[in-house]
N, C-alpha and C. Protein backbone atom coordinates (compact mmCIF):
# COMPACT_ATOMS: atom_id res chain seq x y z
N MET A 1 82.58 -93.86 -145.43
CA MET A 1 81.99 -92.95 -146.39
C MET A 1 82.23 -91.50 -145.98
N LEU A 2 82.10 -91.23 -144.70
CA LEU A 2 82.30 -89.85 -144.26
C LEU A 2 83.75 -89.40 -144.41
N ILE A 3 84.68 -90.33 -144.21
CA ILE A 3 86.09 -89.98 -144.40
C ILE A 3 86.35 -89.64 -145.86
N ALA A 4 85.78 -90.44 -146.76
CA ALA A 4 85.95 -90.17 -148.19
C ALA A 4 85.28 -88.84 -148.56
N ALA A 5 84.10 -88.57 -147.99
CA ALA A 5 83.41 -87.32 -148.27
C ALA A 5 84.22 -86.14 -147.76
N ARG A 6 84.83 -86.31 -146.61
CA ARG A 6 85.68 -85.24 -146.08
C ARG A 6 86.83 -84.94 -147.04
N GLY A 7 87.38 -85.99 -147.63
CA GLY A 7 88.43 -85.80 -148.63
C GLY A 7 87.94 -85.00 -149.82
N VAL A 8 86.71 -85.27 -150.26
CA VAL A 8 86.13 -84.52 -151.38
C VAL A 8 85.99 -83.05 -151.00
N VAL A 9 85.52 -82.79 -149.77
CA VAL A 9 85.37 -81.41 -149.30
C VAL A 9 86.74 -80.73 -149.25
N GLU A 10 87.75 -81.42 -148.71
CA GLU A 10 89.09 -80.84 -148.63
C GLU A 10 89.65 -80.55 -150.01
N ASP A 11 89.42 -81.46 -150.97
CA ASP A 11 89.87 -81.22 -152.34
C ASP A 11 89.20 -79.98 -152.94
N SER A 12 87.92 -79.81 -152.66
CA SER A 12 87.20 -78.65 -153.20
C SER A 12 87.73 -77.36 -152.59
N LEU A 13 88.09 -77.41 -151.30
CA LEU A 13 88.64 -76.22 -150.66
C LEU A 13 89.99 -75.85 -151.27
N ARG A 14 90.79 -76.86 -151.61
CA ARG A 14 92.08 -76.59 -152.25
C ARG A 14 91.89 -75.92 -153.61
N ARG A 15 90.79 -76.26 -154.28
CA ARG A 15 90.51 -75.64 -155.58
C ARG A 15 89.81 -74.29 -155.43
N GLY A 16 89.60 -73.87 -154.19
CA GLY A 16 88.94 -72.58 -153.94
C GLY A 16 87.43 -72.67 -153.98
N GLU A 17 86.87 -73.87 -153.92
CA GLU A 17 85.42 -74.06 -153.91
C GLU A 17 84.98 -74.44 -152.51
N ARG A 18 83.73 -74.22 -152.23
CA ARG A 18 83.17 -74.67 -150.95
C ARG A 18 81.94 -75.52 -151.26
N ILE A 19 81.95 -76.77 -150.79
CA ILE A 19 80.78 -77.62 -150.97
C ILE A 19 80.40 -78.20 -149.62
N SER A 20 79.14 -78.54 -149.48
CA SER A 20 78.65 -79.12 -148.23
C SER A 20 79.03 -80.59 -148.15
N LEU A 21 78.97 -81.12 -146.95
CA LEU A 21 79.23 -82.54 -146.76
C LEU A 21 78.21 -83.38 -147.53
N GLY A 22 76.97 -82.94 -147.56
CA GLY A 22 75.92 -83.65 -148.30
C GLY A 22 76.22 -83.72 -149.78
N ARG A 23 76.69 -82.61 -150.34
CA ARG A 23 77.06 -82.60 -151.77
C ARG A 23 78.24 -83.53 -152.02
N ALA A 24 79.19 -83.54 -151.09
CA ALA A 24 80.35 -84.43 -151.24
C ALA A 24 79.91 -85.89 -151.23
N VAL A 25 78.98 -86.25 -150.33
CA VAL A 25 78.48 -87.62 -150.29
C VAL A 25 77.75 -87.95 -151.59
N SER A 26 76.97 -86.99 -152.09
CA SER A 26 76.26 -87.20 -153.36
C SER A 26 77.23 -87.41 -154.51
N GLU A 27 78.30 -86.62 -154.55
CA GLU A 27 79.30 -86.78 -155.61
C GLU A 27 79.96 -88.15 -155.55
N LEU A 28 80.25 -88.62 -154.34
CA LEU A 28 80.84 -89.95 -154.20
C LEU A 28 79.88 -91.03 -154.68
N ALA A 29 78.59 -90.87 -154.34
CA ALA A 29 77.60 -91.85 -154.77
C ALA A 29 77.47 -91.87 -156.29
N LEU A 30 77.47 -90.70 -156.90
CA LEU A 30 77.37 -90.63 -158.36
C LEU A 30 78.60 -91.22 -159.03
N ARG A 31 79.78 -91.02 -158.45
CA ARG A 31 80.98 -91.63 -159.00
C ARG A 31 80.88 -93.15 -158.97
N GLY A 32 80.28 -93.67 -157.90
CA GLY A 32 80.12 -95.12 -157.78
C GLY A 32 79.16 -95.68 -158.80
N LEU A 33 78.25 -94.86 -159.30
CA LEU A 33 77.27 -95.33 -160.28
C LEU A 33 77.80 -95.29 -161.72
N GLU A 34 78.94 -94.59 -161.92
CA GLU A 34 79.51 -94.53 -163.26
C GLU A 34 79.94 -95.92 -163.69
N ARG A 35 79.57 -96.30 -164.88
CA ARG A 35 79.91 -97.62 -165.40
C ARG A 35 81.28 -97.58 -166.04
N VAL A 36 82.15 -98.45 -165.60
CA VAL A 36 83.47 -98.57 -166.19
C VAL A 36 83.39 -99.66 -167.26
N PRO A 37 83.67 -99.33 -168.51
CA PRO A 37 83.58 -100.34 -169.55
C PRO A 37 84.61 -101.45 -169.33
N PRO A 38 84.22 -102.70 -169.55
CA PRO A 38 85.17 -103.79 -169.38
C PRO A 38 86.26 -103.72 -170.44
N ALA A 39 87.44 -104.14 -170.06
CA ALA A 39 88.55 -104.18 -171.01
C ALA A 39 88.33 -105.35 -171.96
N GLN A 40 88.81 -105.21 -173.17
CA GLN A 40 88.68 -106.28 -174.15
C GLN A 40 89.98 -106.44 -174.92
N ARG A 41 90.26 -107.68 -175.25
CA ARG A 41 91.37 -107.96 -176.15
C ARG A 41 90.94 -107.59 -177.56
N PRO A 42 91.89 -107.48 -178.47
CA PRO A 42 91.52 -107.15 -179.86
C PRO A 42 90.51 -108.14 -180.48
N ASP A 43 90.51 -109.40 -179.99
CA ASP A 43 89.56 -110.37 -180.55
C ASP A 43 88.18 -110.28 -179.90
N GLY A 44 88.00 -109.30 -178.97
CA GLY A 44 86.69 -109.09 -178.36
C GLY A 44 86.46 -109.85 -177.06
N PHE A 45 87.39 -110.70 -176.64
CA PHE A 45 87.24 -111.47 -175.41
C PHE A 45 87.37 -110.52 -174.21
N PRO A 46 86.36 -110.49 -173.31
CA PRO A 46 86.45 -109.57 -172.17
C PRO A 46 87.50 -110.03 -171.16
N VAL A 47 88.28 -109.09 -170.67
CA VAL A 47 89.32 -109.37 -169.68
C VAL A 47 89.28 -108.29 -168.60
N LEU A 48 89.92 -108.54 -167.46
CA LEU A 48 90.02 -107.54 -166.41
C LEU A 48 91.20 -106.63 -166.69
N ASP A 49 91.01 -105.34 -166.51
CA ASP A 49 92.10 -104.39 -166.66
C ASP A 49 92.86 -104.36 -165.35
N LEU A 50 94.12 -104.76 -165.37
CA LEU A 50 94.91 -104.86 -164.15
C LEU A 50 95.61 -103.56 -163.80
N GLY A 51 95.53 -102.57 -164.66
CA GLY A 51 96.22 -101.32 -164.37
C GLY A 51 97.73 -101.52 -164.42
N VAL A 52 98.40 -101.10 -163.38
CA VAL A 52 99.85 -101.24 -163.31
C VAL A 52 100.18 -102.71 -163.05
N ARG A 53 101.04 -103.24 -163.87
CA ARG A 53 101.40 -104.66 -163.74
C ARG A 53 102.77 -104.80 -163.10
N ASN A 54 102.82 -105.55 -162.02
CA ASN A 54 104.10 -105.82 -161.38
C ASN A 54 104.84 -106.92 -162.12
N HIS A 55 104.12 -107.96 -162.50
CA HIS A 55 104.70 -109.04 -163.29
C HIS A 55 103.58 -109.81 -163.97
N VAL A 56 103.91 -110.48 -165.02
CA VAL A 56 102.93 -111.23 -165.79
C VAL A 56 103.01 -112.70 -165.37
N ILE A 57 101.87 -113.33 -165.13
CA ILE A 57 101.81 -114.75 -164.81
C ILE A 57 101.67 -115.50 -166.13
N THR A 58 102.68 -116.28 -166.46
CA THR A 58 102.68 -117.04 -167.71
C THR A 58 102.44 -118.52 -167.42
N ASP A 59 102.14 -119.28 -168.46
CA ASP A 59 101.99 -120.72 -168.30
C ASP A 59 103.26 -121.35 -167.72
N GLU A 60 104.40 -120.86 -168.17
CA GLU A 60 105.67 -121.39 -167.68
C GLU A 60 105.85 -121.13 -166.20
N LEU A 61 105.46 -119.95 -165.75
CA LEU A 61 105.56 -119.61 -164.33
C LEU A 61 104.64 -120.49 -163.49
N VAL A 62 103.46 -120.76 -163.98
CA VAL A 62 102.52 -121.65 -163.27
C VAL A 62 103.10 -123.05 -163.18
N LYS A 63 103.63 -123.58 -164.30
CA LYS A 63 104.23 -124.93 -164.29
C LYS A 63 105.39 -125.00 -163.31
N LEU A 64 106.18 -123.94 -163.23
CA LEU A 64 107.33 -123.91 -162.34
C LEU A 64 106.90 -124.05 -160.87
N HIS A 65 105.74 -123.50 -160.52
CA HIS A 65 105.30 -123.49 -159.12
C HIS A 65 104.19 -124.49 -158.80
N LEU A 66 103.88 -125.40 -159.70
CA LEU A 66 102.83 -126.39 -159.45
C LEU A 66 103.10 -127.26 -158.24
N ASP A 67 104.32 -127.60 -157.99
CA ASP A 67 104.66 -128.50 -156.88
C ASP A 67 104.90 -127.79 -155.57
N ASP A 68 104.84 -126.46 -155.55
CA ASP A 68 105.07 -125.71 -154.30
C ASP A 68 103.97 -125.91 -153.30
């Protein structure tokens, strides 16, 4: 937590601001409390947002590797 807070302080210094370590810890805690809405398909089914996708796992790919 302190390493992350130090990063927040360093970021603020780069922007020309000065904040205390306590304020940085508070900002990190508040960020953690922000609710991220779940991703949904158009039909309303909730899914996980994977962000950047390296490759898609398809039924065919699963069948191909079932015996591995």
